[in-house]
């Protein structure tokens, strides 16, 4: 570890840490973690990002976009649906998926915007 990464003394602000711990107990940390784990998969992130660009896509189109079989795409889409990130509708034999709501779209756009900022800072520091 770098020297600046280590605390030299131990001091705990009891009120602050207790307040934060209470907030953490009242939140659905496990459920939120599941969302980030789902989006941590490269294929599912590609699918989710594609769904931010189009209102809805059929399973065949999703498979083509991510370079997977329809079975694989369908599996990933079901996983996203199970976590409340995506929803679907049927039209005859076709199944169309879309993101469940605007929050999911915002989450994905924020992640990409953050990554672009990080990449920009890294390219400046390399020069």
N, C-alpha and C. Protein backbone atom coordinates (compact mmCIF):
# COMPACT_ATOMS: atom_id res chain seq x y z
N UNK A 1 0.83 -1.20 0.00
CA UNK A 1 0.00 0.00 0.00
C UNK A 1 0.86 1.25 0.00
N UNK A 2 0.34 2.27 -0.61
CA UNK A 2 1.03 3.55 -0.58
C UNK A 2 0.87 4.16 0.80
N UNK A 3 1.83 4.95 1.19
CA UNK A 3 1.83 5.54 2.53
C UNK A 3 0.56 6.36 2.80
N UNK A 4 0.09 7.12 1.81
CA UNK A 4 -1.08 7.98 2.03
C UNK A 4 -2.38 7.18 2.14
N UNK A 5 -2.36 5.91 1.82
CA UNK A 5 -3.57 5.08 1.88
C UNK A 5 -3.83 4.50 3.26
N UNK A 6 -2.93 4.71 4.20
CA UNK A 6 -3.03 4.09 5.51
C UNK A 6 -3.29 5.15 6.58
N UNK A 7 -4.29 4.91 7.42
CA UNK A 7 -4.54 5.81 8.55
C UNK A 7 -3.46 5.59 9.59
N UNK A 8 -2.94 6.65 10.09
CA UNK A 8 -1.91 6.58 11.12
C UNK A 8 -2.52 6.39 12.50
N UNK A 9 -3.77 6.82 12.66
CA UNK A 9 -4.44 6.69 13.95
C UNK A 9 -5.82 6.08 13.73
N UNK A 10 -6.39 5.61 14.79
CA UNK A 10 -7.74 5.07 14.73
C UNK A 10 -8.67 6.03 15.45
N UNK A 11 -9.64 6.54 14.70
CA UNK A 11 -10.65 7.38 15.31
C UNK A 11 -11.97 7.05 14.64
N UNK A 12 -12.97 6.79 15.43
CA UNK A 12 -14.27 6.44 14.89
C UNK A 12 -15.26 7.48 15.36
N UNK A 13 -15.97 8.06 14.41
CA UNK A 13 -17.01 9.01 14.74
C UNK A 13 -18.29 8.21 14.95
N UNK A 14 -18.54 7.89 16.19
CA UNK A 14 -19.62 6.99 16.57
C UNK A 14 -20.98 7.38 16.02
N UNK A 15 -21.36 8.63 16.15
CA UNK A 15 -22.67 9.08 15.67
C UNK A 15 -22.79 8.89 14.17
N UNK A 16 -21.76 9.29 13.45
CA UNK A 16 -21.76 9.19 12.00
C UNK A 16 -21.85 7.73 11.55
N UNK A 17 -21.00 6.88 12.12
CA UNK A 17 -20.99 5.48 11.69
C UNK A 17 -22.27 4.77 12.07
N UNK A 18 -22.84 5.08 13.22
CA UNK A 18 -24.10 4.47 13.64
C UNK A 18 -25.23 4.88 12.69
N UNK A 19 -25.26 6.16 12.35
CA UNK A 19 -26.29 6.67 11.43
C UNK A 19 -26.18 5.97 10.07
N UNK A 20 -24.97 5.83 9.56
CA UNK A 20 -24.77 5.18 8.27
C UNK A 20 -25.15 3.70 8.35
N UNK A 21 -24.77 3.04 9.42
CA UNK A 21 -25.12 1.63 9.59
C UNK A 21 -26.63 1.44 9.61
N UNK A 22 -27.36 2.35 10.24
CA UNK A 22 -28.82 2.27 10.26
C UNK A 22 -29.39 2.43 8.86
N UNK A 23 -28.84 3.35 8.08
CA UNK A 23 -29.29 3.52 6.70
C UNK A 23 -29.03 2.25 5.89
N UNK A 24 -27.87 1.65 6.09
CA UNK A 24 -27.53 0.44 5.35
C UNK A 24 -28.47 -0.71 5.70
N UNK A 25 -28.91 -0.79 6.93
CA UNK A 25 -29.82 -1.85 7.34
C UNK A 25 -31.21 -1.63 6.74
N UNK A 26 -31.58 -0.40 6.48
CA UNK A 26 -32.89 -0.09 5.95
C UNK A 26 -32.93 -0.18 4.42
N UNK A 27 -31.82 -0.34 3.79
CA UNK A 27 -31.75 -0.40 2.33
C UNK A 27 -31.69 -1.85 1.85
N UNK A 28 -32.03 -2.04 0.61
CA UNK A 28 -31.99 -3.37 0.00
C UNK A 28 -30.64 -3.59 -0.66
N UNK A 29 -29.59 -3.59 0.12
CA UNK A 29 -28.23 -3.73 -0.39
C UNK A 29 -28.08 -4.99 -1.22
N UNK A 30 -28.65 -6.09 -0.76
CA UNK A 30 -28.54 -7.36 -1.48
C UNK A 30 -29.18 -7.25 -2.86
N UNK A 31 -30.35 -6.64 -2.93
CA UNK A 31 -31.05 -6.51 -4.22
C UNK A 31 -30.31 -5.58 -5.16
N UNK A 32 -29.78 -4.49 -4.65
CA UNK A 32 -29.03 -3.55 -5.48
C UNK A 32 -27.75 -4.23 -5.98
N UNK A 33 -27.12 -5.01 -5.13
CA UNK A 33 -25.92 -5.74 -5.53
C UNK A 33 -26.22 -6.68 -6.68
N UNK A 34 -27.37 -7.32 -6.66
CA UNK A 34 -27.77 -8.22 -7.75
C UNK A 34 -27.86 -7.48 -9.07
N UNK A 35 -28.35 -6.25 -9.04
CA UNK A 35 -28.46 -5.45 -10.26
C UNK A 35 -27.07 -5.19 -10.83
N UNK A 36 -26.14 -4.77 -9.98
CA UNK A 36 -24.79 -4.48 -10.46
C UNK A 36 -24.08 -5.75 -10.92
N UNK A 37 -24.33 -6.87 -10.26
CA UNK A 37 -23.74 -8.14 -10.71
C UNK A 37 -24.27 -8.51 -12.09
N UNK A 38 -25.56 -8.31 -12.31
CA UNK A 38 -26.14 -8.61 -13.63
C UNK A 38 -25.51 -7.75 -14.70
N UNK A 39 -25.33 -6.47 -14.42
CA UNK A 39 -24.76 -5.56 -15.41
C UNK A 39 -23.24 -5.70 -15.52
N UNK A 40 -22.62 -6.42 -14.59
CA UNK A 40 -21.18 -6.65 -14.65
C UNK A 40 -20.83 -7.68 -15.72
N UNK A 41 -21.81 -8.42 -16.20
CA UNK A 41 -21.59 -9.37 -17.28
C UNK A 41 -21.54 -8.59 -18.60
N UNK A 42 -20.48 -8.81 -19.37
CA UNK A 42 -20.28 -8.03 -20.60
C UNK A 42 -21.43 -8.17 -21.59
N UNK A 43 -21.93 -9.38 -21.77
CA UNK A 43 -23.03 -9.59 -22.72
C UNK A 43 -24.29 -8.88 -22.25
N UNK A 44 -24.60 -8.99 -20.96
CA UNK A 44 -25.80 -8.32 -20.45
C UNK A 44 -25.67 -6.80 -20.52
N UNK A 45 -24.45 -6.28 -20.30
CA UNK A 45 -24.27 -4.84 -20.42
C UNK A 45 -24.45 -4.40 -21.87
N UNK A 46 -23.95 -5.19 -22.81
CA UNK A 46 -24.16 -4.87 -24.22
C UNK A 46 -25.66 -4.84 -24.54
N UNK A 47 -26.37 -5.82 -24.03
CA UNK A 47 -27.82 -5.89 -24.27
C UNK A 47 -28.51 -4.68 -23.66
N UNK A 48 -28.18 -4.39 -22.41
CA UNK A 48 -28.81 -3.26 -21.73
C UNK A 48 -28.50 -1.96 -22.45
N UNK A 49 -27.25 -1.79 -22.88
CA UNK A 49 -26.89 -0.57 -23.61
C UNK A 49 -27.65 -0.49 -24.92
N UNK A 50 -27.75 -1.60 -25.64
CA UNK A 50 -28.50 -1.62 -26.90
C UNK A 50 -29.95 -1.19 -26.65
N UNK A 51 -30.50 -1.61 -25.51
CA UNK A 51 -31.89 -1.25 -25.19
C UNK A 51 -32.02 0.22 -24.76
N UNK A 52 -30.91 0.88 -24.47
CA UNK A 52 -31.00 2.32 -24.22
C UNK A 52 -31.06 3.08 -25.54
N UNK A 53 -30.58 2.45 -26.61
CA UNK A 53 -30.54 3.10 -27.91
C UNK A 53 -31.83 2.89 -28.71
N UNK A 54 -32.51 1.79 -28.44
CA UNK A 54 -33.78 1.47 -29.09
C UNK A 54 -34.82 1.23 -28.02
N UNK A 55 -36.05 1.65 -28.27
CA UNK A 55 -37.12 1.44 -27.28
C UNK A 55 -37.31 -0.03 -26.96
N UNK A 56 -37.28 -0.86 -28.01
CA UNK A 56 -37.40 -2.30 -27.80
C UNK A 56 -36.74 -3.04 -28.94
N UNK A 57 -36.31 -4.26 -28.64
CA UNK A 57 -35.67 -5.11 -29.63
C UNK A 57 -36.20 -6.53 -29.48
N UNK A 58 -36.35 -7.22 -30.61
CA UNK A 58 -36.76 -8.62 -30.51
C UNK A 58 -35.53 -9.46 -30.15
N UNK A 59 -35.77 -10.63 -29.65
CA UNK A 59 -34.68 -11.51 -29.21
C UNK A 59 -33.71 -11.77 -30.35
N UNK A 60 -34.21 -11.95 -31.56
CA UNK A 60 -33.34 -12.22 -32.72
C UNK A 60 -32.40 -11.05 -32.97
N UNK A 61 -32.91 -9.83 -32.88
CA UNK A 61 -32.07 -8.65 -33.07
C UNK A 61 -31.02 -8.54 -31.97
N UNK A 62 -31.41 -8.81 -30.74
CA UNK A 62 -30.46 -8.77 -29.62
C UNK A 62 -29.35 -9.78 -29.86
N UNK A 63 -29.71 -10.99 -30.27
CA UNK A 63 -28.71 -12.03 -30.54
C UNK A 63 -27.74 -11.57 -31.61
N UNK A 64 -28.26 -10.96 -32.66
CA UNK A 64 -27.41 -10.47 -33.74
C UNK A 64 -26.48 -9.36 -33.26
N UNK A 65 -26.99 -8.46 -32.47
CA UNK A 65 -26.20 -7.33 -31.96
C UNK A 65 -25.02 -7.80 -31.10
N UNK A 66 -25.28 -8.76 -30.22
CA UNK A 66 -24.22 -9.20 -29.29
C UNK A 66 -23.43 -10.39 -29.82
N UNK A 67 -23.80 -10.89 -30.99
CA UNK A 67 -23.06 -12.01 -31.58
C UNK A 67 -23.26 -13.31 -30.83
N UNK A 68 -24.50 -13.58 -30.45
CA UNK A 68 -24.82 -14.78 -29.69
C UNK A 68 -25.97 -15.52 -30.36
N UNK A 69 -26.26 -16.70 -29.89
CA UNK A 69 -27.42 -17.44 -30.37
C UNK A 69 -28.67 -16.81 -29.76
N UNK A 70 -29.82 -17.10 -30.35
CA UNK A 70 -31.06 -16.57 -29.77
C UNK A 70 -31.29 -17.17 -28.40
N UNK A 71 -30.87 -18.43 -28.20
CA UNK A 71 -31.03 -19.06 -26.88
C UNK A 71 -30.21 -18.33 -25.83
N UNK A 72 -28.97 -17.98 -26.17
CA UNK A 72 -28.12 -17.25 -25.23
C UNK A 72 -28.68 -15.87 -24.95
N UNK A 73 -29.08 -15.16 -26.00
CA UNK A 73 -29.65 -13.83 -25.82
C UNK A 73 -30.90 -13.90 -24.97
N UNK A 74 -31.74 -14.88 -25.24
CA UNK A 74 -32.97 -15.06 -24.47
C UNK A 74 -32.67 -15.32 -22.99
N UNK A 75 -31.66 -16.13 -22.74
CA UNK A 75 -31.25 -16.42 -21.35
C UNK A 75 -30.85 -15.13 -20.63
N UNK A 76 -30.02 -14.31 -21.28
CA UNK A 76 -29.58 -13.05 -20.66
C UNK A 76 -30.75 -12.09 -20.47
N UNK A 77 -31.63 -12.03 -21.45
CA UNK A 77 -32.80 -11.16 -21.34
C UNK A 77 -33.71 -11.59 -20.20
N UNK A 78 -33.90 -12.90 -20.04
CA UNK A 78 -34.71 -13.40 -18.91
C UNK A 78 -34.09 -13.02 -17.58
N UNK A 79 -32.77 -13.08 -17.52
CA UNK A 79 -32.07 -12.70 -16.28
C UNK A 79 -32.31 -11.22 -15.98
N UNK A 80 -32.19 -10.37 -16.98
CA UNK A 80 -32.44 -8.94 -16.78
C UNK A 80 -33.90 -8.70 -16.38
N UNK A 81 -34.80 -9.44 -16.98
CA UNK A 81 -36.22 -9.32 -16.63
C UNK A 81 -36.46 -9.76 -15.19
N UNK A 82 -35.84 -10.85 -14.79
CA UNK A 82 -36.01 -11.37 -13.44
C UNK A 82 -35.57 -10.39 -12.36
N UNK A 83 -34.64 -9.53 -12.70
CA UNK A 83 -34.15 -8.52 -11.75
C UNK A 83 -34.91 -7.20 -11.86
N UNK A 84 -35.90 -7.16 -12.75
CA UNK A 84 -36.68 -5.94 -12.91
C UNK A 84 -36.00 -4.89 -13.75
N UNK A 85 -34.97 -5.27 -14.51
CA UNK A 85 -34.27 -4.32 -15.37
C UNK A 85 -34.89 -4.24 -16.75
N UNK A 86 -35.53 -5.31 -17.18
CA UNK A 86 -36.14 -5.35 -18.51
C UNK A 86 -37.55 -5.91 -18.41
N UNK A 87 -38.32 -5.66 -19.45
CA UNK A 87 -39.68 -6.22 -19.54
C UNK A 87 -39.86 -6.68 -20.98
N UNK A 88 -40.91 -7.45 -21.23
CA UNK A 88 -41.13 -7.94 -22.58
C UNK A 88 -42.60 -7.90 -22.95
N UNK A 89 -42.81 -8.01 -24.25
CA UNK A 89 -44.16 -8.17 -24.77
C UNK A 89 -44.07 -9.14 -25.94
N UNK A 90 -45.16 -9.87 -26.15
CA UNK A 90 -45.20 -10.83 -27.25
C UNK A 90 -46.06 -10.29 -28.36
N UNK A 91 -45.60 -10.54 -29.57
CA UNK A 91 -46.38 -10.21 -30.75
C UNK A 91 -46.32 -11.43 -31.66
N UNK A 92 -47.36 -12.25 -31.57
CA UNK A 92 -47.32 -13.52 -32.28
C UNK A 92 -46.25 -14.40 -31.68
N UNK A 93 -45.32 -14.86 -32.53
CA UNK A 93 -44.22 -15.70 -32.04
C UNK A 93 -42.98 -14.89 -31.67
N UNK A 94 -43.03 -13.58 -31.91
CA UNK A 94 -41.89 -12.73 -31.58
C UNK A 94 -42.01 -12.20 -30.15
N UNK A 95 -40.86 -12.08 -29.51
CA UNK A 95 -40.80 -11.50 -28.17
C UNK A 95 -39.91 -10.27 -28.24
N UNK A 96 -40.45 -9.14 -27.79
CA UNK A 96 -39.73 -7.87 -27.79
C UNK A 96 -39.40 -7.48 -26.35
N UNK A 97 -38.15 -7.08 -26.14
CA UNK A 97 -37.71 -6.64 -24.82
C UNK A 97 -37.42 -5.15 -24.84
N UNK A 98 -37.62 -4.54 -23.70
CA UNK A 98 -37.27 -3.13 -23.49
C UNK A 98 -36.80 -2.99 -22.05
N UNK A 99 -36.17 -1.86 -21.75
CA UNK A 99 -35.78 -1.61 -20.36
C UNK A 99 -37.04 -1.34 -19.55
N UNK A 100 -37.00 -1.72 -18.29
CA UNK A 100 -38.20 -1.64 -17.46
C UNK A 100 -38.64 -0.21 -17.19
N UNK A 101 -37.69 0.69 -16.95
CA UNK A 101 -38.07 2.09 -16.70
C UNK A 101 -36.89 3.01 -16.94
N UNK A 102 -37.15 4.29 -16.77
CA UNK A 102 -36.12 5.30 -17.01
C UNK A 102 -34.94 5.22 -16.08
N UNK A 103 -35.14 4.70 -14.87
CA UNK A 103 -34.02 4.59 -13.92
C UNK A 103 -32.95 3.65 -14.45
N UNK A 104 -33.36 2.58 -15.07
CA UNK A 104 -32.40 1.62 -15.61
C UNK A 104 -31.59 2.28 -16.73
N UNK A 105 -32.28 3.00 -17.59
CA UNK A 105 -31.62 3.71 -18.68
C UNK A 105 -30.63 4.73 -18.11
N UNK A 106 -31.02 5.48 -17.10
CA UNK A 106 -30.14 6.47 -16.47
C UNK A 106 -28.91 5.81 -15.87
N UNK A 107 -29.11 4.69 -15.19
CA UNK A 107 -28.00 3.97 -14.57
C UNK A 107 -26.95 3.58 -15.61
N UNK A 108 -27.40 3.08 -16.73
CA UNK A 108 -26.48 2.66 -17.79
C UNK A 108 -25.79 3.87 -18.42
N UNK A 109 -26.54 4.92 -18.70
CA UNK A 109 -25.95 6.12 -19.28
C UNK A 109 -24.95 6.77 -18.32
N UNK A 110 -25.26 6.78 -17.05
CA UNK A 110 -24.33 7.35 -16.06
C UNK A 110 -23.04 6.54 -16.01
N UNK A 111 -23.15 5.22 -16.06
CA UNK A 111 -21.95 4.36 -16.05
C UNK A 111 -21.07 4.63 -17.25
N UNK A 112 -21.68 4.77 -18.43
CA UNK A 112 -20.90 5.06 -19.63
C UNK A 112 -20.31 6.46 -19.59
N UNK A 113 -21.05 7.43 -19.11
CA UNK A 113 -20.53 8.79 -18.99
C UNK A 113 -19.35 8.83 -18.03
N UNK A 114 -19.46 8.12 -16.93
CA UNK A 114 -18.36 8.06 -15.97
C UNK A 114 -17.12 7.45 -16.62
N UNK A 115 -17.30 6.35 -17.34
CA UNK A 115 -16.16 5.69 -17.98
C UNK A 115 -15.49 6.60 -19.00
N UNK A 116 -16.29 7.36 -19.73
CA UNK A 116 -15.71 8.31 -20.70
C UNK A 116 -14.89 9.38 -19.99
N UNK A 117 -15.38 9.85 -18.83
CA UNK A 117 -14.62 10.84 -18.05
C UNK A 117 -13.31 10.25 -17.56
N UNK A 118 -13.36 9.02 -17.04
CA UNK A 118 -12.16 8.36 -16.54
C UNK A 118 -11.16 8.18 -17.68
N UNK A 119 -11.63 7.73 -18.84
CA UNK A 119 -10.75 7.53 -19.99
C UNK A 119 -10.15 8.87 -20.42
N UNK A 120 -10.93 9.93 -20.36
CA UNK A 120 -10.41 11.26 -20.71
C UNK A 120 -9.32 11.72 -19.76
N UNK A 121 -9.53 11.48 -18.47
CA UNK A 121 -8.51 11.87 -17.48
C UNK A 121 -7.23 11.05 -17.68
N UNK A 122 -7.39 9.76 -17.97
CA UNK A 122 -6.23 8.89 -18.16
C UNK A 122 -5.43 9.31 -19.38
N UNK A 123 -6.11 9.71 -20.45
CA UNK A 123 -5.37 10.10 -21.67
C UNK A 123 -4.64 11.41 -21.44
N UNK A 124 -5.17 12.29 -20.61
CA UNK A 124 -4.50 13.56 -20.29
C UNK A 124 -3.27 13.30 -19.44
N UNK A 125 -3.36 12.40 -18.47
CA UNK A 125 -2.25 12.15 -17.56
C UNK A 125 -1.12 11.38 -18.25
N UNK A 126 -1.42 10.67 -19.34
CA UNK A 126 -0.40 9.92 -20.06
C UNK A 126 0.49 10.84 -20.89
N UNK A 127 -0.07 11.96 -21.34
CA UNK A 127 0.67 12.88 -22.21
C UNK A 127 1.82 13.56 -21.52
